[in-house]
């Protein structure tokens, strides 16, 4: 069991999400940065389907009520155990009553705390991912106690760590494919999409990122159609919105681009006022 002593903004339990539930109107959800989440689980020899904690923006604390082994991947929020800094992307043995804290941001927007054999919160529709209206909680709160997998001593702490991929956090090139309505854009609109440096506005969340820069738009709305994480929509007012893991399953705005899964992971590590450019694969 792990107790939340201090909760950060927007931290939650996530796994690979609720694939196959779109017909019920249920978003996929799951870890915003699936690359970092999967990496933490792999380092612990967990299944990639095991649930992890997604911690947004740091400044939180957890007390371990039982012994376990952990791995932290993704953003660097200056993690410490008993006040001593610990490394990212390595196995760390944690003992009963020890406290893990996350503080000042060094890079990235979201980190992942994996424990041996995963977090065992209630699974609904084959997923433990928090989502409003589906799970009892949307985000973690102070005093929450989270069940974890049974401790085994078959995996120990390590003095080695997996090298951090700087480009995952620093790249300003976000790869994408053409969306279903891309060819309806004018030549000048396509040029803006390819050349513009876009800035993430303060209106960003697990549902989507709204960008500060717009594109003059004369396209009509479309019939309500399927959308997915990574779908880039162009609103009638010319606003550009990138849908993320908790996005709705249908929408009526033109779908001009579709991010690759790698690009979604990279974008999940960007914050308000960070900049990037779309790069069409073909």
Protein backbone atom coordinates (compact mmCIF):
# COMPACT_ATOMS: atom_id res chain seq x y z
CA UNK A 1 0.00 0.00 0.00
CA UNK A 2 1.11 3.55 -0.73
CA UNK A 3 -0.38 6.61 0.99
CA UNK A 4 -0.63 10.01 -0.68
CA UNK A 5 0.81 12.54 1.78
CA UNK A 6 0.67 15.44 -0.67
CA UNK A 7 -1.12 15.40 -4.02
CA UNK A 8 0.10 17.30 -7.05
CA UNK A 9 -2.18 18.75 -9.72
CA UNK A 10 -3.73 16.23 -12.08
CA UNK A 11 -1.94 13.08 -10.88
CA UNK A 12 -3.75 9.80 -11.47
CA UNK A 13 -3.51 6.04 -11.90
CA UNK A 14 -3.09 5.11 -15.58
CA UNK A 15 -2.35 2.04 -17.66
CA UNK A 16 -2.67 1.31 -21.39
CA UNK A 17 -6.28 2.53 -21.39
CA UNK A 18 -9.71 1.29 -22.42
CA UNK A 19 -9.19 0.20 -25.99
CA UNK A 20 -12.35 -1.06 -27.65
CA UNK A 21 -14.82 0.96 -25.54
CA UNK A 22 -15.37 3.79 -28.05
CA UNK A 23 -18.74 2.32 -29.09
CA UNK A 24 -19.88 3.05 -25.54
CA UNK A 25 -18.65 6.65 -25.82
CA UNK A 26 -15.76 5.94 -23.44
CA UNK A 27 -12.37 7.54 -24.20
CA UNK A 28 -9.23 5.44 -24.36
CA UNK A 29 -7.44 7.38 -21.58
CA UNK A 30 -4.21 5.69 -20.43
CA UNK A 31 -0.77 7.17 -19.80
CA UNK A 32 -0.25 10.45 -21.67
CA UNK A 33 3.37 9.48 -22.38
CA UNK A 34 3.06 5.76 -23.10
CA UNK A 35 6.77 5.52 -23.92
CA UNK A 36 7.87 6.59 -20.43
CA UNK A 37 5.16 4.54 -18.71
CA UNK A 38 6.14 1.40 -20.62
CA UNK A 39 9.82 1.99 -19.93
CA UNK A 40 9.28 2.17 -16.16
CA UNK A 41 7.33 -1.09 -16.24
CA UNK A 42 9.93 -2.84 -18.41
CA UNK A 43 12.76 -1.87 -16.05
CA UNK A 44 10.84 -3.64 -13.24
CA UNK A 45 10.06 -6.64 -15.47
CA UNK A 46 6.38 -5.78 -15.10
CA UNK A 47 3.79 -6.29 -17.79
CA UNK A 48 3.24 -3.18 -19.94
CA UNK A 49 -0.43 -3.44 -18.92
CA UNK A 50 0.41 -2.88 -15.22
CA UNK A 51 -0.93 0.39 -13.85
CA UNK A 52 1.41 3.22 -12.86
CA UNK A 53 1.04 6.64 -11.25
CA UNK A 54 1.11 9.53 -13.71
CA UNK A 55 2.43 12.56 -11.81
CA UNK A 56 1.92 15.96 -13.42
CA UNK A 57 4.17 18.91 -12.52
CA UNK A 58 5.67 17.40 -9.35
CA UNK A 59 5.44 18.73 -5.78
CA UNK A 60 3.87 15.67 -4.18
CA UNK A 61 4.80 13.05 -1.57
CA UNK A 62 4.04 9.37 -1.00
CA UNK A 63 4.55 7.13 2.05
CA UNK A 64 5.22 3.45 1.43
CA UNK A 65 3.25 1.31 3.87
CA UNK A 66 4.99 -1.82 2.65
CA UNK A 67 8.32 -2.72 1.06
CA UNK A 68 8.53 -2.77 -2.73
CA UNK A 69 10.73 -1.94 -5.71
CA UNK A 70 10.01 1.11 -7.83
CA UNK A 71 11.10 2.84 -11.02
CA UNK A 72 10.55 6.49 -12.00
CA UNK A 73 10.58 7.50 -15.65
CA UNK A 74 9.55 10.49 -17.76
CA UNK A 75 9.82 14.04 -16.46
CA UNK A 76 12.44 14.97 -13.84
CA UNK A 77 10.79 16.38 -10.71
CA UNK A 78 13.82 16.03 -8.39
CA UNK A 79 12.66 12.78 -6.70
CA UNK A 80 14.05 12.01 -3.24
CA UNK A 81 13.69 9.22 -0.70
CA UNK A 82 14.37 10.24 2.90
CA UNK A 83 15.62 13.53 1.46
CA UNK A 84 18.26 11.84 -0.72
CA UNK A 85 18.02 12.31 -4.53
CA UNK A 86 17.24 9.14 -6.52
CA UNK A 87 17.90 8.42 -10.19
CA UNK A 88 15.39 8.12 -12.97
CA UNK A 89 15.00 4.94 -15.02
CA UNK A 90 16.58 2.60 -12.51
CA UNK A 91 15.31 0.01 -10.01
CA UNK A 92 15.06 1.31 -6.45
CA UNK A 93 14.21 -0.74 -3.36
CA UNK A 94 11.87 1.16 -1.03
CA UNK A 95 11.24 0.08 2.55
CA UNK A 96 8.21 0.36 4.84
CA UNK A 97 7.53 3.90 6.13
CA UNK A 98 9.94 5.55 3.69
CA UNK A 99 8.70 8.71 1.97
CA UNK A 100 9.20 9.53 -1.71
CA UNK A 101 8.94 13.22 -2.63
CA UNK A 102 8.82 15.05 -5.94
CA UNK A 103 9.79 18.71 -6.12
CA UNK A 104 11.26 21.23 -8.54
CA UNK A 105 10.87 20.58 -12.25
CA UNK A 106 14.11 19.97 -14.20
CA UNK A 107 12.50 18.91 -17.48
CA UNK A 108 9.27 17.47 -18.83
CA UNK A 109 5.65 17.71 -17.69
CA UNK A 110 4.71 14.19 -16.53
CA UNK A 111 6.60 11.43 -14.76
CA UNK A 112 5.61 7.84 -14.06
CA UNK A 113 5.99 5.94 -10.82
CA UNK A 114 5.88 2.20 -11.37
CA UNK A 115 5.94 -0.37 -8.58
CA UNK A 116 6.74 -4.06 -8.82
CA UNK A 117 3.59 -5.88 -10.02
CA UNK A 118 1.69 -2.62 -10.51
CA UNK A 119 -0.99 -0.58 -8.76
CA UNK A 120 -4.15 -2.57 -8.05
CA UNK A 121 -6.92 -0.01 -7.99
CA UNK A 122 -10.30 -1.16 -9.29
CA UNK A 123 -10.38 -2.12 -12.98
CA UNK A 124 -13.41 -0.97 -14.98
CA UNK A 125 -13.86 -1.98 -18.63
CA UNK A 126 -10.51 -3.80 -18.46
CA UNK A 127 -8.55 -0.75 -17.32
CA UNK A 128 -7.53 0.94 -14.08
CA UNK A 129 -7.09 4.35 -15.77
CA UNK A 130 -8.82 7.16 -13.89
CA UNK A 131 -11.48 8.99 -15.89
CA UNK A 132 -14.35 11.17 -14.69
CA UNK A 133 -17.66 9.33 -14.81
CA UNK A 134 -16.02 5.93 -15.24
CA UNK A 135 -13.86 5.54 -12.13
CA UNK A 136 -14.67 6.72 -8.63
CA UNK A 137 -11.77 9.19 -8.77
CA UNK A 138 -10.45 11.50 -11.45
CA UNK A 139 -7.24 12.59 -9.71
CA UNK A 140 -5.34 11.59 -6.60
CA UNK A 141 -6.08 13.37 -3.32
CA UNK A 142 -4.27 13.76 -0.02
CA UNK A 143 -4.87 10.75 2.20
CA UNK A 144 -5.62 8.30 -0.60
CA UNK A 145 -4.22 4.81 0.00
CA UNK A 146 -3.39 2.85 -3.13
CA UNK A 147 -3.06 -0.95 -3.18
CA UNK A 148 -0.03 -2.35 -4.97
CA UNK A 149 1.12 -5.77 -6.13
CA UNK A 150 2.54 -8.24 -3.64
CA UNK A 151 6.21 -7.57 -2.89
CA UNK A 152 8.72 -10.12 -4.08
CA UNK A 153 12.47 -9.94 -3.51
CA UNK A 154 13.29 -11.41 -6.90
CA UNK A 155 14.29 -7.99 -8.22
CA UNK A 156 16.73 -5.75 -6.40
CA UNK A 157 17.94 -2.18 -6.54
CA UNK A 158 20.39 -1.37 -9.30
CA UNK A 159 23.32 1.00 -9.63
CA UNK A 160 22.73 1.30 -13.37
CA UNK A 161 20.05 3.23 -15.21
CA UNK A 162 18.68 3.46 -18.73
CA UNK A 163 19.99 6.50 -20.59
CA UNK A 164 17.45 9.33 -20.87
CA UNK A 165 16.48 10.21 -24.46
CA UNK A 166 16.90 13.98 -24.52
CA UNK A 167 15.12 14.28 -27.86
CA UNK A 168 11.96 12.83 -26.29
CA UNK A 169 11.71 15.98 -24.16
CA UNK A 170 13.49 18.56 -26.30
CA UNK A 171 12.43 17.86 -29.89
CA UNK A 172 10.36 20.61 -31.47
CA UNK A 173 9.44 18.45 -34.47
CA UNK A 174 6.10 16.72 -33.98
CA UNK A 175 5.52 14.03 -36.61
CA UNK A 176 2.06 13.63 -38.10
CA UNK A 177 0.09 12.26 -41.04
CA UNK A 178 -2.55 14.00 -43.11
CA UNK A 179 -5.98 13.98 -41.49
CA UNK A 180 -9.17 13.02 -43.35
CA UNK A 181 -9.97 16.68 -44.17
CA UNK A 182 -6.38 17.78 -44.92
CA UNK A 183 -6.93 17.92 -48.69
CA UNK A 184 -9.84 20.33 -48.21
CA UNK A 185 -7.38 22.96 -46.94
CA UNK A 186 -6.13 25.64 -49.29
CA UNK A 187 -2.48 25.78 -50.34
CA UNK A 188 -1.89 28.71 -47.98
CA UNK A 189 -3.48 26.89 -45.05
CA UNK A 190 -1.29 23.84 -45.67
CA UNK A 191 1.76 26.13 -45.84
CA UNK A 192 0.91 27.67 -42.45
CA UNK A 193 0.51 24.23 -40.88
CA UNK A 194 3.94 23.25 -42.20
CA UNK A 195 5.81 26.47 -41.42
CA UNK A 196 4.18 27.93 -38.31
CA UNK A 197 5.88 27.57 -34.93
CA UNK A 198 2.97 26.79 -32.61
CA UNK A 199 2.79 27.59 -28.89
CA UNK A 200 0.89 25.54 -26.32
CA UNK A 201 -1.66 27.75 -24.56
CA UNK A 202 -2.57 27.56 -20.89
CA UNK A 203 -5.70 25.68 -21.98
CA UNK A 204 -4.13 22.23 -21.99
CA UNK A 205 -5.03 19.03 -20.21
CA UNK A 206 -5.33 15.29 -20.64
CA UNK A 207 -8.27 15.96 -22.97
CA UNK A 208 -6.44 18.24 -25.40
CA UNK A 209 -4.02 21.07 -26.10
CA UNK A 210 -5.30 24.34 -27.55
CA UNK A 211 -2.62 26.30 -29.43
CA UNK A 212 -2.12 30.06 -29.30
CA UNK A 213 -1.60 30.49 -33.04
CA UNK A 214 -4.57 30.04 -35.35
CA UNK A 215 -5.24 29.54 -39.05
CA UNK A 216 -7.90 31.50 -40.92
CA UNK A 217 -10.57 28.95 -41.62
CA UNK A 218 -13.42 28.90 -44.13
CA UNK A 219 -14.01 25.15 -44.03
CA UNK A 220 -17.51 24.10 -42.97
CA UNK A 221 -18.03 21.86 -39.99
CA UNK A 222 -18.20 18.16 -40.82
CA UNK A 223 -20.69 15.50 -39.86
CA UNK A 224 -19.87 14.11 -36.45
CA UNK A 225 -17.07 11.62 -37.10
CA UNK A 226 -14.60 9.51 -35.19
CA UNK A 227 -11.64 11.25 -33.53
CA UNK A 228 -8.68 9.74 -31.70
CA UNK A 229 -5.84 10.80 -29.43
CA UNK A 230 -3.54 12.82 -31.66
CA UNK A 231 -6.27 14.13 -33.97
CA UNK A 232 -5.64 17.80 -34.84
CA UNK A 233 -8.86 19.76 -35.29
CA UNK A 234 -9.40 23.17 -36.88
CA UNK A 235 -12.34 25.04 -35.36
CA UNK A 236 -14.59 27.50 -37.27
CA UNK A 237 -12.82 30.39 -35.48
CA UNK A 238 -9.44 29.14 -36.74
CA UNK A 239 -8.23 27.70 -33.44
CA UNK A 240 -6.05 24.58 -33.61
CA UNK A 241 -6.76 21.86 -31.04
CA UNK A 242 -4.77 18.67 -30.54
CA UNK A 243 -6.77 15.91 -28.89
CA UNK A 244 -4.96 13.90 -26.20
CA UNK A 245 -5.56 10.63 -24.33
CA UNK A 246 -8.83 11.62 -22.56
CA UNK A 247 -10.42 13.09 -25.70
CA UNK A 248 -13.99 12.44 -26.79
CA UNK A 249 -14.61 9.69 -29.34
CA UNK A 250 -16.43 11.83 -31.95
CA UNK A 251 -16.23 15.43 -33.16
CA UNK A 252 -17.55 17.81 -35.79
CA UNK A 253 -14.49 19.95 -36.59
CA UNK A 254 -12.31 19.21 -39.63
CA UNK A 255 -9.55 16.71 -38.79
CA UNK A 256 -6.57 18.21 -40.59
CA UNK A 257 -3.70 16.17 -39.10
CA UNK A 258 -3.15 12.99 -37.09
CA UNK A 259 -0.15 12.77 -34.77
CA UNK A 260 1.91 9.60 -34.60
CA UNK A 261 1.94 7.75 -31.28
CA UNK A 262 5.55 8.87 -30.72
CA UNK A 263 4.48 12.47 -31.30
CA UNK A 264 1.65 12.16 -28.73
CA UNK A 265 4.18 10.89 -26.19
CA UNK A 266 6.53 13.80 -26.93
CA UNK A 267 3.74 16.37 -26.78
CA UNK A 268 2.64 14.97 -23.41
CA UNK A 269 5.99 16.17 -22.01
CA UNK A 270 5.46 19.76 -23.18
CA UNK A 271 3.97 22.53 -21.03
CA UNK A 272 2.28 25.89 -21.39
CA UNK A 273 4.32 28.23 -23.66
CA UNK A 274 6.45 25.41 -25.09
CA UNK A 275 6.76 25.57 -28.89
CA UNK A 276 6.91 23.04 -31.73
CA UNK A 277 6.29 22.52 -35.45
CA UNK A 278 4.20 19.90 -37.21
CA UNK A 279 6.22 17.70 -39.58
CA UNK A 280 4.23 15.75 -42.20
CA UNK A 281 5.59 12.25 -42.77
CA UNK A 282 4.51 12.31 -46.42
